[in-house]
C-alpha atoms as a PDB file:
ATOM      1  CA  MET A   1      12.903 -20.289-225.460  1.00  0.00           C
ATOM      2  CA  PRO A   2      16.385 -19.577-226.849  1.00  0.00           C
ATOM      3  CA  THR A   3      17.594 -16.017-226.844  1.00  0.00           C
ATOM      4  CA  PRO A   4      18.267 -14.399-230.205  1.00  0.00           C
ATOM      5  CA  THR A   5      21.886 -13.644-229.249  1.00  0.00           C
ATOM      6  CA  GLY A   6      22.974 -17.135-228.216  1.00  0.00           C
ATOM      7  CA  PRO A   7      22.353 -20.853-228.542  1.00  0.00           C
ATOM      8  CA  SER A   8      19.911 -22.660-226.277  1.00  0.00           C
ATOM      9  CA  SER A   9      22.673 -24.874-224.858  1.00  0.00           C
ATOM     10  CA  PRO A  10      26.464 -24.755-225.011  1.00  0.00           C
ATOM     11  CA  HIS A  11      28.165 -26.995-227.536  1.00  0.00           C
ATOM     12  CA  PRO A  12      30.104 -29.961-226.183  1.00  0.00           C
ATOM     13  CA  LEU A  13      33.808 -29.292-225.863  1.00  0.00           C
ATOM     14  CA  THR A  14      36.225 -30.992-228.226  1.00  0.00           C
ATOM     15  CA  ALA A  15      39.132 -33.073-226.933  1.00  0.00           C
ATOM     16  CA  GLN A  16      41.490 -30.203-227.755  1.00  0.00           C
ATOM     17  CA  GLU A  17      39.342 -27.681-225.860  1.00  0.00           C
ATOM     18  CA  LEU A  18      39.192 -29.993-222.850  1.00  0.00           C
ATOM     19  CA  ALA A  19      42.976 -30.458-222.953  1.00  0.00           C
ATOM     20  CA  ALA A  20      43.506 -26.689-223.178  1.00  0.00           C
ATOM     21  CA  HIS A  21      41.211 -26.187-220.186  1.00  0.00           C
ATOM     22  CA  GLU A  22      43.200 -28.796-218.268  1.00  0.00           C
ATOM     23  CA  VAL A  23      46.461 -26.942-219.048  1.00  0.00           C
ATOM     24  CA  LEU A  24      44.999 -23.667-217.798  1.00  0.00           C
ATOM     25  CA  THR A  25      43.701 -25.307-214.633  1.00  0.00           C
ATOM     26  CA  SER A  26      47.049 -27.027-213.993  1.00  0.00           C
ATOM     27  CA  PHE A  27      48.957 -23.809-214.612  1.00  0.00           C
ATOM     28  CA  ASP A  28      46.727 -21.949-212.176  1.00  0.00           C
ATOM     29  CA  ALA A  29      47.314 -24.632-209.535  1.00  0.00           C
ATOM     30  CA  TYR A  30      51.072 -24.511-210.131  1.00  0.00           C
ATOM     31  CA  ALA A  31      51.101 -20.716-209.874  1.00  0.00           C
ATOM     32  CA  ARG A  32      49.238 -20.885-206.551  1.00  0.00           C
ATOM     33  CA  VAL A  33      51.717 -23.465-205.218  1.00  0.00           C
ATOM     34  CA  ARG A  34      54.658 -21.302-206.302  1.00  0.00           C
ATOM     35  CA  ALA A  35      53.145 -18.274-204.597  1.00  0.00           C
ATOM     36  CA  ALA A  36      52.510 -20.285-201.437  1.00  0.00           C
ATOM     37  CA  ARG A  37      56.118 -21.447-201.429  1.00  0.00           C
ATOM     38  CA  ASP A  38      57.238 -17.943-200.586  1.00  0.00           C
ATOM     39  CA  GLY A  39      54.229 -17.142-198.387  1.00  0.00           C
ATOM     40  CA  VAL A  40      54.560 -14.924-195.345  1.00  0.00           C
ATOM     41  CA  LEU A  41      52.636 -17.248-193.060  1.00  0.00           C
ATOM     42  CA  PRO A  42      54.464 -20.479-192.231  1.00  0.00           C
ATOM     43  CA  SER A  43      51.185 -22.427-192.120  1.00  0.00           C
ATOM     44  CA  SER A  44      50.405 -21.538-195.742  1.00  0.00           C
ATOM     45  CA  ARG A  45      53.787 -22.520-197.147  1.00  0.00           C
ATOM     46  CA  VAL A  46      54.198 -25.602-199.290  1.00  0.00           C
ATOM     47  CA  GLY A  47      57.201 -27.845-199.630  1.00  0.00           C
ATOM     48  CA  PRO A  48      59.228 -28.804-202.660  1.00  0.00           C
ATOM     49  CA  ARG A  49      57.264 -32.037-203.098  1.00  0.00           C
ATOM     50  CA  GLU A  50      53.985 -30.197-203.582  1.00  0.00           C
ATOM     51  CA  GLU A  51      55.623 -27.818-206.030  1.00  0.00           C
ATOM     52  CA  GLU A  52      57.157 -30.716-207.950  1.00  0.00           C
ATOM     53  CA  ARG A  53      53.822 -32.558-208.068  1.00  0.00           C
ATOM     54  CA  ALA A  54      52.023 -29.471-209.399  1.00  0.00           C
ATOM     55  CA  PHE A  55      54.728 -28.963-212.026  1.00  0.00           C
ATOM     56  CA  ASP A  56      54.537 -32.617-213.095  1.00  0.00           C
ATOM     57  CA  GLU A  57      50.765 -32.336-213.475  1.00  0.00           C
ATOM     58  CA  LEU A  58      51.227 -29.220-215.595  1.00  0.00           C
ATOM     59  CA  GLN A  59      53.738 -31.010-217.832  1.00  0.00           C
ATOM     60  CA  GLN A  60      51.382 -33.968-218.259  1.00  0.00           C
ATOM     61  CA  ALA A  61      48.509 -31.661-219.178  1.00  0.00           C
ATOM     62  CA  ILE A  62      50.702 -29.934-221.778  1.00  0.00           C
ATOM     63  CA  ALA A  63      51.708 -33.300-223.227  1.00  0.00           C
ATOM     64  CA  ARG A  64      48.026 -34.285-223.544  1.00  0.00           C
ATOM     65  CA  LEU A  65      47.261 -30.992-225.277  1.00  0.00           C
ATOM     66  CA  ARG A  66      50.107 -31.557-227.737  1.00  0.00           C
ATOM     67  CA  THR A  67      48.811 -35.053-228.444  1.00  0.00           C
ATOM     68  CA  THR A  68      45.287 -33.819-229.184  1.00  0.00           C
ATOM     69  CA  SER A  69      46.616 -30.948-231.313  1.00  0.00           C
ATOM     70  CA  ARG A  70      48.566 -33.155-233.727  1.00  0.00           C
ATOM     71  CA  PRO A  71      47.031 -33.554-237.163  1.00  0.00           C
ATOM     72  CA  ARG A  72      45.848 -37.059-237.893  1.00  0.00           C
END
């Protein structure tokens, strides 16, 4: 039985909402990589390649969000 304060099931996400979620996820991953770059423990540090890969993924996610946000 649905509750009076909310729908019985969540609505499916639009392409723009999915792209925005992907940007947030990619940004979070990039921020973690950047923080690990300067980590205190040598075993937790990441190299420039990992940082570059995370940044590239973030840029690609932003590009996809821009594409889905354009009016048709």
